[in-house]
Amino acid sequence: MSRLAPWSAVALVLLTLPACSVLSKLEEPVELYTVTPKSTFEDQLPSVDWQLVVDPPTAAAHLNSGRIALQFTPTTSDYYAHVAWIDRAPLMLQTRIVDSFENTRRIIGVGRDPVAVRANYILQSELRAFQAEYFHGGGPVVHVRVIARLVRMPERQIVATRGFERCFRAREDKVAPVVEAFDAAVGSVVKRLVTWTLTAVPRQVPIDGVPLPRRIADMDNDNVGCPKPGQPIDIPAAPPL
């Protein structure tokens, strides 16, 4: 027994140190940020009789995180230190989309849970960009891009697809102004996404067995402020909160 004791002590130390290291990292204080839902919409936005489930957006691993992403070059990815979103970015965006639909007061039922809502349509989406970019010259540019698909149930027929993309330049190279730019970009994308969804299909509940015409739009046809190859860079500054 005496020969085993030193090895046991060493093993205990080796096992304890990584655990302490992990705990210290988890306990490091971080500032939490969020974005806000949209609450103002056009008066002519139609009311609909159908119900909608909003799926959580899919995203690449570096965006499917609670950390606030940034890029110093188009081919690298990093995160701001000591700050985070209140939830993983796709889930935070899903919540704000649902909140914004509710704020329209134009839809009877909308939610995230397919069990709680008997959906006539499902809004699926991909979060393609959700980062601050530092390679455009000047201050950081927040880039948000979402590809949305409206799927009719229970046939799972894709009836409409569209891309939404916004870029805003932060007023300063600091976290708070960068988050303001995120809020402006997300708000603009979500407002257009909600408006498009409520007008993409007829307001009546779809009749089983009667197909709807499939509407496929250009993925990049709803783009404001984001530079394209060969175009001059003219990115608007985010409006102050």
Foldseek 3Di string as FASTA:
>chain_A
DVVCVVVVVVVVVVVPVVVVVVVVVVPQAAAEDAAAADQDADPPQAAFEFAEAEEQAAEPPLQQDQFAWEEADPPDIDGDPRYGYPHRVSVRLSVRLQVNLVSVVRYDYYYHDCVVHVGQKYKYKHWYAAHWYNHQDDATKGKTKMKIWIAGPDVRHTAEIEMAIAIAGFPHNDDVSVVLRSNQGSRVRSRVVSSCVSPSDDRYRDDPPDDDHHYYDDHCPHYDQDDDPPDRRDHHHRDDD
